[in-house]
Every structure is written in C-alpha cells, then in structure tokens.
Amino acid sequence: MGLRQTVGKQVGRQLAPRITDLAPNLSSSFVREALRRAVEGVGPLASAAEVARKQLAEHGDVEKAVDAVVDTHVRLAGASGFVTNLGGLVTMAVTVPANLTGIALIQCRMVAAIAHLRGYDLDDPRVRNAVLVTVLGEDTVNALVRSNTIPAPPMALATAPVHDPAVDPVVSGEVARDLVARVTGRRLASTVGRRVPGLGGVIGMGSDGWATHKIGSYADRELLPRAKR
C-alpha cells in the first residue's frame, strides 16, 4: 500500500498542471474560495467559529474541544472520500473536482476551527495563510520552508509582524497543487492497482480520513495558544 500510494502521488503531481488547465477553478482562486467558505460557512456546513464554539460549549475545555473538532472532521473527510471515490477511471473527471472541493472545505474548516479555539483571528490574512499552509501537512511544509518556497511554517506566518500580500498567491498555488496531486494520485493508484471499482470508495475513505487526522494533529501541535488581549 505504501509503495502504491507513493507512486500514485508522484503520478498525481505530474498530472496536476493538466487537470488545473482542464478545470481552471481547481487553482489558487479555488483554494481561496474554499478557505473563505470554510471560515464563513456554506450550505449545511457551519462556519469554523461556530464549530469551535459548539465544541467548546459541549466539552468545556479548549483542548478537549480541539480533539473533538479533529474527530468530527476526520469522519466527515472519510465519508466524503468514500462517496467521491466510487467508480473507476471513467468517472475520474467528475469525481476528482468533487473530492477536491469536499476535502478542501473539510480540512480548511478543521484547521480554522482549531485556530479560533487557540485565540487566532480568522479575519486576519496572516492567519488565513497559516490555515492553508497547515493543510499541506508537516512534511510538505518543512520541505517548502527548506527550499525557501514559503517563508515560514504556520505559527510564524500567523504571528508575523505584518501581512505580506506576496505570500498569498504562493501559498494558494502550493495548496492547489498539493490537493490535486493527493486526490488524483490516490485515485490512479487505487484504480489501476486494484481494478475493483467499488473498492475505491473504501480506499478513499481511509486515505482522506487518515490525511485529515494527520493535518489535525499537525494543527494541534503547530498553532499554539495565543494570549488573549
């Protein structure tokens, strides 16, 4: 499974530019819109702040509320991954955009809710960039910081002295590429490797759920509590 996922992600990264050309909405603007909707809420999905307040009221403790936020979004991601990964290569053109939309909303809202619980202002563009960078995951963030592609990890971005607008398109572009690579790579690996269309839903559920759990754990460690002003 590990080798298949690695190969799939590598293939996904090669296909990512082609997919964003075919579907321009799966790009930096898509990422920013997904973040906005995750923070503000859309349809049946409550805003990140509302989710945070609900969990805090229910559990009465910030750290327990953070754990509950992660658990809830892991389940949501798993359900989204199952539904949007049914079928095979024939359905990929339809289900990849759906999976991207779902996982972007879910993971952004989870990280934003954690940030809100820890005392960050979700209207602050520095914090929004930190949320997006967190969604990349710890390993990817560390690699991007080492290569000077992004200036700093999430905590440093969120607490920077001033907002640098030049960082916005860089962060959005990296998140867009990473999302496309993850989703398309996993679907190709599972579909080509197994040739069992129905199994794609199970693989998608496990993969999206596990990825969301890892991002939630990273957000928990990285976004340290801010002193109330």
C-alpha atoms as a PDB file:
ATOM      1  CA  MET A   1       0.000   0.000   0.000  1.00  0.00           C
ATOM      2  CA  GLY A   2       2.798   2.431   0.849  1.00  0.00           C
ATOM      3  CA  LEU A   3       4.545   1.951  -2.496  1.00  0.00           C
ATOM      4  CA  ARG A   4       1.279   2.250  -4.402  1.00  0.00           C
ATOM      5  CA  GLN A   5       0.365   5.495  -2.627  1.00  0.00           C
ATOM      6  CA  THR A   6       3.849   6.921  -3.228  1.00  0.00           C
ATOM      7  CA  VAL A   7       3.754   6.097  -6.922  1.00  0.00           C
ATOM      8  CA  GLY A   8       0.213   7.420  -7.171  1.00  0.00           C
ATOM      9  CA  LYS A   9       1.141  10.730  -5.592  1.00  0.00           C
ATOM     10  CA  GLN A  10       4.115  11.117  -7.925  1.00  0.00           C
ATOM     11  CA  VAL A  11       1.854  10.488 -10.912  1.00  0.00           C
ATOM     12  CA  GLY A  12      -0.681  12.891  -9.455  1.00  0.00           C
ATOM     13  CA  ARG A  13       1.890  15.668  -9.230  1.00  0.00           C
ATOM     14  CA  GLN A  14       2.729  15.139 -12.911  1.00  0.00           C
ATOM     15  CA  LEU A  15      -0.951  15.306 -13.833  1.00  0.00           C
ATOM     16  CA  ALA A  16      -1.798  18.245 -11.575  1.00  0.00           C
ATOM     17  CA  PRO A  17      -0.965  21.022 -14.100  1.00  0.00           C
ATOM     18  CA  ARG A  18      -3.017  19.285 -16.801  1.00  0.00           C
ATOM     19  CA  ILE A  19      -6.025  18.894 -14.537  1.00  0.00           C
ATOM     20  CA  THR A  20      -5.934  22.532 -13.442  1.00  0.00           C
ATOM     21  CA  ASP A  21      -5.761  23.515 -17.121  1.00  0.00           C
ATOM     22  CA  LEU A  22      -8.870  21.445 -17.842  1.00  0.00           C
ATOM     23  CA  ALA A  23     -10.663  22.788 -14.763  1.00  0.00           C
ATOM     24  CA  PRO A  24      -9.383  26.320 -14.024  1.00  0.00           C
ATOM     25  CA  ASN A  25     -11.453  26.520 -10.846  1.00  0.00           C
ATOM     26  CA  LEU A  26      -9.117  23.929  -9.314  1.00  0.00           C
ATOM     27  CA  SER A  27      -6.425  26.546  -8.836  1.00  0.00           C
ATOM     28  CA  SER A  28      -5.369  29.332  -6.493  1.00  0.00           C
ATOM     29  CA  SER A  29      -8.739  31.060  -6.758  1.00  0.00           C
ATOM     30  CA  PHE A  30     -10.466  27.779  -5.925  1.00  0.00           C
ATOM     31  CA  VAL A  31      -8.310  27.399  -2.820  1.00  0.00           C
ATOM     32  CA  ARG A  32      -9.089  30.925  -1.594  1.00  0.00           C
ATOM     33  CA  GLU A  33     -12.803  30.447  -2.172  1.00  0.00           C
ATOM     34  CA  ALA A  34     -12.746  27.112  -0.360  1.00  0.00           C
ATOM     35  CA  LEU A  35     -10.975  28.789   2.564  1.00  0.00           C
ATOM     36  CA  ARG A  36     -13.498  31.620   2.646  1.00  0.00           C
ATOM     37  CA  ARG A  37     -16.424  29.221   2.678  1.00  0.00           C
ATOM     38  CA  ALA A  38     -14.756  27.026   5.278  1.00  0.00           C
ATOM     39  CA  VAL A  39     -14.266  30.024   7.566  1.00  0.00           C
ATOM     40  CA  GLU A  40     -17.650  31.649   6.940  1.00  0.00           C
ATOM     41  CA  GLY A  41     -19.749  28.520   6.400  1.00  0.00           C
ATOM     42  CA  VAL A  42     -21.625  27.301   3.351  1.00  0.00           C
ATOM     43  CA  GLY A  43     -24.877  25.388   2.998  1.00  0.00           C
ATOM     44  CA  PRO A  44     -25.222  22.835   5.817  1.00  0.00           C
ATOM     45  CA  LEU A  45     -21.621  23.389   6.915  1.00  0.00           C
ATOM     46  CA  ALA A  46     -21.456  25.836   9.821  1.00  0.00           C
ATOM     47  CA  SER A  47     -18.644  28.372   9.999  1.00  0.00           C
ATOM     48  CA  ALA A  48     -15.350  27.427  11.599  1.00  0.00           C
ATOM     49  CA  ALA A  49     -16.007  29.739  14.536  1.00  0.00           C
ATOM     50  CA  GLU A  50     -19.468  28.226  15.096  1.00  0.00           C
ATOM     51  CA  VAL A  51     -17.992  24.727  15.087  1.00  0.00           C
ATOM     52  CA  ALA A  52     -15.358  25.822  17.583  1.00  0.00           C
ATOM     53  CA  ARG A  53     -17.904  27.479  19.888  1.00  0.00           C
ATOM     54  CA  LYS A  54     -20.184  24.439  19.782  1.00  0.00           C
ATOM     55  CA  GLN A  55     -17.414  22.031  20.719  1.00  0.00           C
ATOM     56  CA  LEU A  56     -16.133  24.334  23.457  1.00  0.00           C
ATOM     57  CA  ALA A  57     -19.627  24.660  24.928  1.00  0.00           C
ATOM     58  CA  GLU A  58     -20.090  20.896  24.808  1.00  0.00           C
ATOM     59  CA  HIS A  59     -16.728  19.933  26.295  1.00  0.00           C
ATOM     60  CA  GLY A  60     -15.946  22.972  28.458  1.00  0.00           C
ATOM     61  CA  ASP A  61     -12.232  22.781  27.746  1.00  0.00           C
ATOM     62  CA  VAL A  62     -10.249  24.136  24.788  1.00  0.00           C
ATOM     63  CA  GLU A  63      -8.020  21.087  24.349  1.00  0.00           C
ATOM     64  CA  LYS A  64     -10.932  18.663  24.522  1.00  0.00           C
ATOM     65  CA  ALA A  65     -12.751  20.864  22.016  1.00  0.00           C
ATOM     66  CA  VAL A  66      -9.743  20.716  19.671  1.00  0.00           C
ATOM     67  CA  ASP A  67      -9.756  16.913  19.874  1.00  0.00           C
ATOM     68  CA  ALA A  68     -13.484  16.867  19.122  1.00  0.00           C
ATOM     69  CA  VAL A  69     -13.037  19.177  16.120  1.00  0.00           C
ATOM     70  CA  VAL A  70     -10.412  16.840  14.681  1.00  0.00           C
ATOM     71  CA  ASP A  71     -12.501  13.716  15.289  1.00  0.00           C
ATOM     72  CA  THR A  72     -15.567  15.269  13.665  1.00  0.00           C
ATOM     73  CA  HIS A  73     -13.699  16.352  10.558  1.00  0.00           C
ATOM     74  CA  VAL A  74     -11.901  13.022  10.205  1.00  0.00           C
ATOM     75  CA  ARG A  75     -15.320  11.373   9.995  1.00  0.00           C
ATOM     76  CA  LEU A  76     -16.543  13.972   7.507  1.00  0.00           C
ATOM     77  CA  ALA A  77     -13.447  13.508   5.349  1.00  0.00           C
ATOM     78  CA  GLY A  78     -13.838   9.748   5.418  1.00  0.00           C
ATOM     79  CA  ALA A  79     -17.460   9.986   4.308  1.00  0.00           C
ATOM     80  CA  SER A  80     -16.545  12.440   1.542  1.00  0.00           C
ATOM     81  CA  GLY A  81     -13.688  10.220   0.380  1.00  0.00           C
ATOM     82  CA  PHE A  82     -15.935   7.162   0.231  1.00  0.00           C
ATOM     83  CA  VAL A  83     -18.665   8.781  -1.847  1.00  0.00           C
ATOM     84  CA  THR A  84     -16.391  10.600  -4.275  1.00  0.00           C
ATOM     85  CA  ASN A  85     -14.042   7.674  -4.875  1.00  0.00           C
ATOM     86  CA  LEU A  86     -16.601   5.135  -6.049  1.00  0.00           C
ATOM     87  CA  GLY A  87     -16.108   4.106  -9.641  1.00  0.00           C
ATOM     88  CA  GLY A  88     -13.003   3.881 -11.786  1.00  0.00           C
ATOM     89  CA  LEU A  89     -11.024   5.912 -14.266  1.00  0.00           C
ATOM     90  CA  VAL A  90     -14.129   6.598 -16.357  1.00  0.00           C
ATOM     91  CA  THR A  91     -15.700   8.658 -13.568  1.00  0.00           C
ATOM     92  CA  MET A  92     -12.477  10.428 -12.592  1.00  0.00           C
ATOM     93  CA  ALA A  93     -13.251  13.660 -14.497  1.00  0.00           C
ATOM     94  CA  VAL A  94     -16.373  14.149 -12.380  1.00  0.00           C
ATOM     95  CA  THR A  95     -15.305  12.826  -9.000  1.00  0.00           C
ATOM     96  CA  VAL A  96     -11.880  14.469  -8.753  1.00  0.00           C
ATOM     97  CA  PRO A  97     -13.350  18.019  -8.656  1.00  0.00           C
ATOM     98  CA  ALA A  98     -15.971  16.855  -6.151  1.00  0.00           C
ATOM     99  CA  ASN A  99     -13.355  15.231  -3.926  1.00  0.00           C
ATOM    100  CA  LEU A 100     -11.135  18.309  -4.140  1.00  0.00           C
ATOM    101  CA  THR A 101     -13.984  20.587  -3.126  1.00  0.00           C
ATOM    102  CA  GLY A 102     -15.032  18.362  -0.259  1.00  0.00           C
ATOM    103  CA  ILE A 103     -11.597  17.711   1.202  1.00  0.00           C
ATOM    104  CA  ALA A 104     -10.508  21.350   0.839  1.00  0.00           C
ATOM    105  CA  LEU A 105     -13.588  22.605   2.695  1.00  0.00           C
ATOM    106  CA  ILE A 106     -13.344  19.983   5.418  1.00  0.00           C
ATOM    107  CA  GLN A 107      -9.634  20.326   6.118  1.00  0.00           C
ATOM    108  CA  CYS A 108      -9.627  24.131   5.951  1.00  0.00           C
ATOM    109  CA  ARG A 109     -12.599  24.356   8.307  1.00  0.00           C
ATOM    110  CA  MET A 110     -10.989  21.941  10.753  1.00  0.00           C
ATOM    111  CA  VAL A 111      -7.731  23.908  10.912  1.00  0.00           C
ATOM    112  CA  ALA A 112      -9.588  27.231  11.088  1.00  0.00           C
ATOM    113  CA  ALA A 113     -11.732  25.966  13.970  1.00  0.00           C
ATOM    114  CA  ILE A 114      -8.605  24.873  15.845  1.00  0.00           C
ATOM    115  CA  ALA A 115      -7.040  28.277  15.195  1.00  0.00           C
ATOM    116  CA  HIS A 116     -10.166  30.003  16.544  1.00  0.00           C
ATOM    117  CA  LEU A 117     -10.096  27.863  19.690  1.00  0.00           C
ATOM    118  CA  ARG A 118      -6.453  28.791  20.219  1.00  0.00           C
ATOM    119  CA  GLY A 119      -7.197  32.527  20.033  1.00  0.00           C
ATOM    120  CA  TYR A 120      -6.374  33.462  16.428  1.00  0.00           C
ATOM    121  CA  ASP A 121      -8.393  35.996  14.427  1.00  0.00           C
ATOM    122  CA  LEU A 122      -9.799  34.213  11.364  1.00  0.00           C
ATOM    123  CA  ASP A 123     -10.309  37.535   9.581  1.00  0.00           C
ATOM    124  CA  ASP A 124      -6.564  38.194   9.680  1.00  0.00           C
ATOM    125  CA  PRO A 125      -4.953  37.366   6.294  1.00  0.00           C
ATOM    126  CA  ARG A 126      -1.836  36.132   8.107  1.00  0.00           C
ATOM    127  CA  VAL A 127      -3.946  33.572   9.959  1.00  0.00           C
ATOM    128  CA  ARG A 128      -5.721  32.530   6.759  1.00  0.00           C
ATOM    129  CA  ASN A 129      -2.369  31.866   5.115  1.00  0.00           C
ATOM    130  CA  ALA A 130      -1.358  29.851   8.169  1.00  0.00           C
ATOM    131  CA  VAL A 131      -4.525  27.766   7.855  1.00  0.00           C
ATOM    132  CA  LEU A 132      -3.775  26.998   4.208  1.00  0.00           C
ATOM    133  CA  VAL A 133      -0.148  26.134   4.893  1.00  0.00           C
ATOM    134  CA  THR A 134      -1.197  23.779   7.700  1.00  0.00           C
ATOM    135  CA  VAL A 135      -3.394  21.879   5.233  1.00  0.00           C
ATOM    136  CA  LEU A 136      -0.233  20.993   3.281  1.00  0.00           C
ATOM    137  CA  GLY A 137       0.905  18.814   6.169  1.00  0.00           C
ATOM    138  CA  GLU A 138       4.074  18.921   8.238  1.00  0.00           C
ATOM    139  CA  ASP A 139       6.423  17.093   5.850  1.00  0.00           C
ATOM    140  CA  THR A 140       5.452  19.229   2.862  1.00  0.00           C
ATOM    141  CA  VAL A 141       5.666  22.438   4.891  1.00  0.00           C
ATOM    142  CA  ASN A 142       9.143  21.571   6.145  1.00  0.00           C
ATOM    143  CA  ALA A 143      10.320  20.844   2.602  1.00  0.00           C
ATOM    144  CA  LEU A 144       8.849  24.095   1.267  1.00  0.00           C
ATOM    145  CA  VAL A 145      10.451  26.121   4.062  1.00  0.00           C
ATOM    146  CA  ARG A 146      13.835  24.494   3.434  1.00  0.00           C
ATOM    147  CA  SER A 147      13.595  25.335  -0.275  1.00  0.00           C
ATOM    148  CA  ASN A 148      12.506  28.928   0.553  1.00  0.00           C
ATOM    149  CA  THR A 149       9.298  28.391  -1.423  1.00  0.00           C
ATOM    150  CA  ILE A 150       7.297  29.633   1.562  1.00  0.00           C
ATOM    151  CA  PRO A 151       8.850  31.930   4.173  1.00  0.00           C
ATOM    152  CA  ALA A 152       7.870  30.132   7.367  1.00  0.00           C
ATOM    153  CA  PRO A 153       5.718  27.412   8.988  1.00  0.00           C
ATOM    154  CA  PRO A 154       2.109  28.137  10.035  1.00  0.00           C
ATOM    155  CA  MET A 155       2.734  29.516  13.524  1.00  0.00           C
ATOM    156  CA  ALA A 156       5.298  32.015  12.280  1.00  0.00           C
ATOM    157  CA  LEU A 157       3.030  33.072   9.403  1.00  0.00           C
ATOM    158  CA  ALA A 158       0.082  33.619  11.734  1.00  0.00           C
ATOM    159  CA  THR A 159       2.120  35.732  14.141  1.00  0.00           C
ATOM    160  CA  ALA A 160       4.230  37.667  11.628  1.00  0.00           C
ATOM    161  CA  PRO A 161       4.593  41.391  12.447  1.00  0.00           C
ATOM    162  CA  VAL A 162       2.831  42.396   9.207  1.00  0.00           C
ATOM    163  CA  HIS A 163       0.971  40.698   6.385  1.00  0.00           C
ATOM    164  CA  ASP A 164       2.961  40.272   3.175  1.00  0.00           C
ATOM    165  CA  PRO A 165       0.500  40.109   0.225  1.00  0.00           C
ATOM    166  CA  ALA A 166       3.192  38.480  -1.937  1.00  0.00           C
ATOM    167  CA  VAL A 167       2.867  35.338   0.185  1.00  0.00           C
ATOM    168  CA  ASP A 168      -0.825  34.861  -0.690  1.00  0.00           C
ATOM    169  CA  PRO A 169      -0.500  33.546  -4.281  1.00  0.00           C
ATOM    170  CA  VAL A 170       2.472  31.358  -3.357  1.00  0.00           C
ATOM    171  CA  VAL A 171       0.558  29.662  -0.552  1.00  0.00           C
ATOM    172  CA  SER A 172      -2.607  29.260  -2.633  1.00  0.00           C
ATOM    173  CA  GLY A 173      -0.686  27.793  -5.550  1.00  0.00           C
ATOM    174  CA  GLU A 174       1.122  25.242  -3.396  1.00  0.00           C
ATOM    175  CA  VAL A 175      -2.115  24.131  -1.733  1.00  0.00           C
ATOM    176  CA  ALA A 176      -3.869  23.779  -5.100  1.00  0.00           C
ATOM    177  CA  ARG A 177      -1.065  21.626  -6.495  1.00  0.00           C
ATOM    178  CA  ASP A 178      -0.892  19.506  -3.371  1.00  0.00           C
ATOM    179  CA  LEU A 179      -4.640  18.858  -3.291  1.00  0.00           C
ATOM    180  CA  VAL A 180      -4.739  17.838  -6.943  1.00  0.00           C
ATOM    181  CA  ALA A 181      -1.685  15.608  -6.543  1.00  0.00           C
ATOM    182  CA  ARG A 182      -3.092  13.873  -3.483  1.00  0.00           C
ATOM    183  CA  VAL A 183      -6.533  13.207  -4.912  1.00  0.00           C
ATOM    184  CA  THR A 184      -5.570  12.231  -8.454  1.00  0.00           C
ATOM    185  CA  GLY A 185      -2.554  10.237  -7.343  1.00  0.00           C
ATOM    186  CA  ARG A 186      -4.554   8.195  -4.870  1.00  0.00           C
ATOM    187  CA  ARG A 187      -7.333   7.534  -7.360  1.00  0.00           C
ATOM    188  CA  LEU A 188      -4.926   6.392 -10.060  1.00  0.00           C
ATOM    189  CA  ALA A 189      -3.034   4.149  -7.657  1.00  0.00           C
ATOM    190  CA  SER A 190      -6.137   2.517  -6.241  1.00  0.00           C
ATOM    191  CA  THR A 191      -7.931   2.162  -9.577  1.00  0.00           C
ATOM    192  CA  VAL A 192      -5.037   0.951 -11.701  1.00  0.00           C
ATOM    193  CA  GLY A 193      -3.568  -1.187  -8.950  1.00  0.00           C
ATOM    194  CA  ARG A 194      -6.716  -2.992  -7.928  1.00  0.00           C
ATOM    195  CA  ARG A 195      -9.168  -2.836 -10.826  1.00  0.00           C
ATOM    196  CA  VAL A 196     -12.051  -3.130  -8.389  1.00  0.00           C
ATOM    197  CA  PRO A 197     -14.226  -0.014  -8.796  1.00  0.00           C
ATOM    198  CA  GLY A 198     -16.226  -0.461  -5.599  1.00  0.00           C
ATOM    199  CA  LEU A 199     -13.072  -0.732  -3.531  1.00  0.00           C
ATOM    200  CA  GLY A 200     -12.129   2.814  -4.483  1.00  0.00           C
ATOM    201  CA  GLY A 201     -14.683   4.145  -2.017  1.00  0.00           C
ATOM    202  CA  VAL A 202     -13.150   2.213   0.864  1.00  0.00           C
ATOM    203  CA  ILE A 203      -9.639   3.306  -0.092  1.00  0.00           C
ATOM    204  CA  GLY A 204     -10.792   6.915  -0.466  1.00  0.00           C
ATOM    205  CA  MET A 205     -12.492   6.836   2.931  1.00  0.00           C
ATOM    206  CA  GLY A 206      -9.382   5.546   4.668  1.00  0.00           C
ATOM    207  CA  SER A 207      -6.980   7.805   2.808  1.00  0.00           C
ATOM    208  CA  ASP A 208      -8.936  11.043   3.262  1.00  0.00           C
ATOM    209  CA  GLY A 209      -9.706  10.228   6.887  1.00  0.00           C
ATOM    210  CA  TRP A 210      -6.075   9.450   7.713  1.00  0.00           C
ATOM    211  CA  ALA A 211      -4.769  12.529   5.875  1.00  0.00           C
ATOM    212  CA  THR A 212      -7.238  14.724   7.768  1.00  0.00           C
ATOM    213  CA  HIS A 213      -6.217  13.159  11.082  1.00  0.00           C
ATOM    214  CA  LYS A 214      -2.539  13.909  10.355  1.00  0.00           C
ATOM    215  CA  ILE A 215      -3.334  17.522   9.417  1.00  0.00           C
ATOM    216  CA  GLY A 216      -5.447  17.939  12.532  1.00  0.00           C
ATOM    217  CA  SER A 217      -2.623  16.615  14.699  1.00  0.00           C
ATOM    218  CA  TYR A 218      -0.193  18.985  12.983  1.00  0.00           C
ATOM    219  CA  ALA A 219      -2.516  21.944  13.575  1.00  0.00           C
ATOM    220  CA  ASP A 220      -2.852  20.926  17.219  1.00  0.00           C
ATOM    221  CA  ARG A 221       0.947  20.941  17.669  1.00  0.00           C
ATOM    222  CA  GLU A 222       1.735  23.928  15.484  1.00  0.00           C
ATOM    223  CA  LEU A 223      -0.944  26.507  16.303  1.00  0.00           C
ATOM    224  CA  LEU A 224      -0.076  27.194  19.902  1.00  0.00           C
ATOM    225  CA  PRO A 225      -2.475  29.181  22.113  1.00  0.00           C
ATOM    226  CA  ARG A 226      -2.286  32.950  21.788  1.00  0.00           C
ATOM    227  CA  ALA A 227      -2.583  35.203  24.813  1.00  0.00           C
ATOM    228  CA  LYS A 228      -5.937  36.936  24.994  1.00  0.00           C
ATOM    229  CA  ARG A 229      -5.732  40.692  24.524  1.00  0.00           C
END
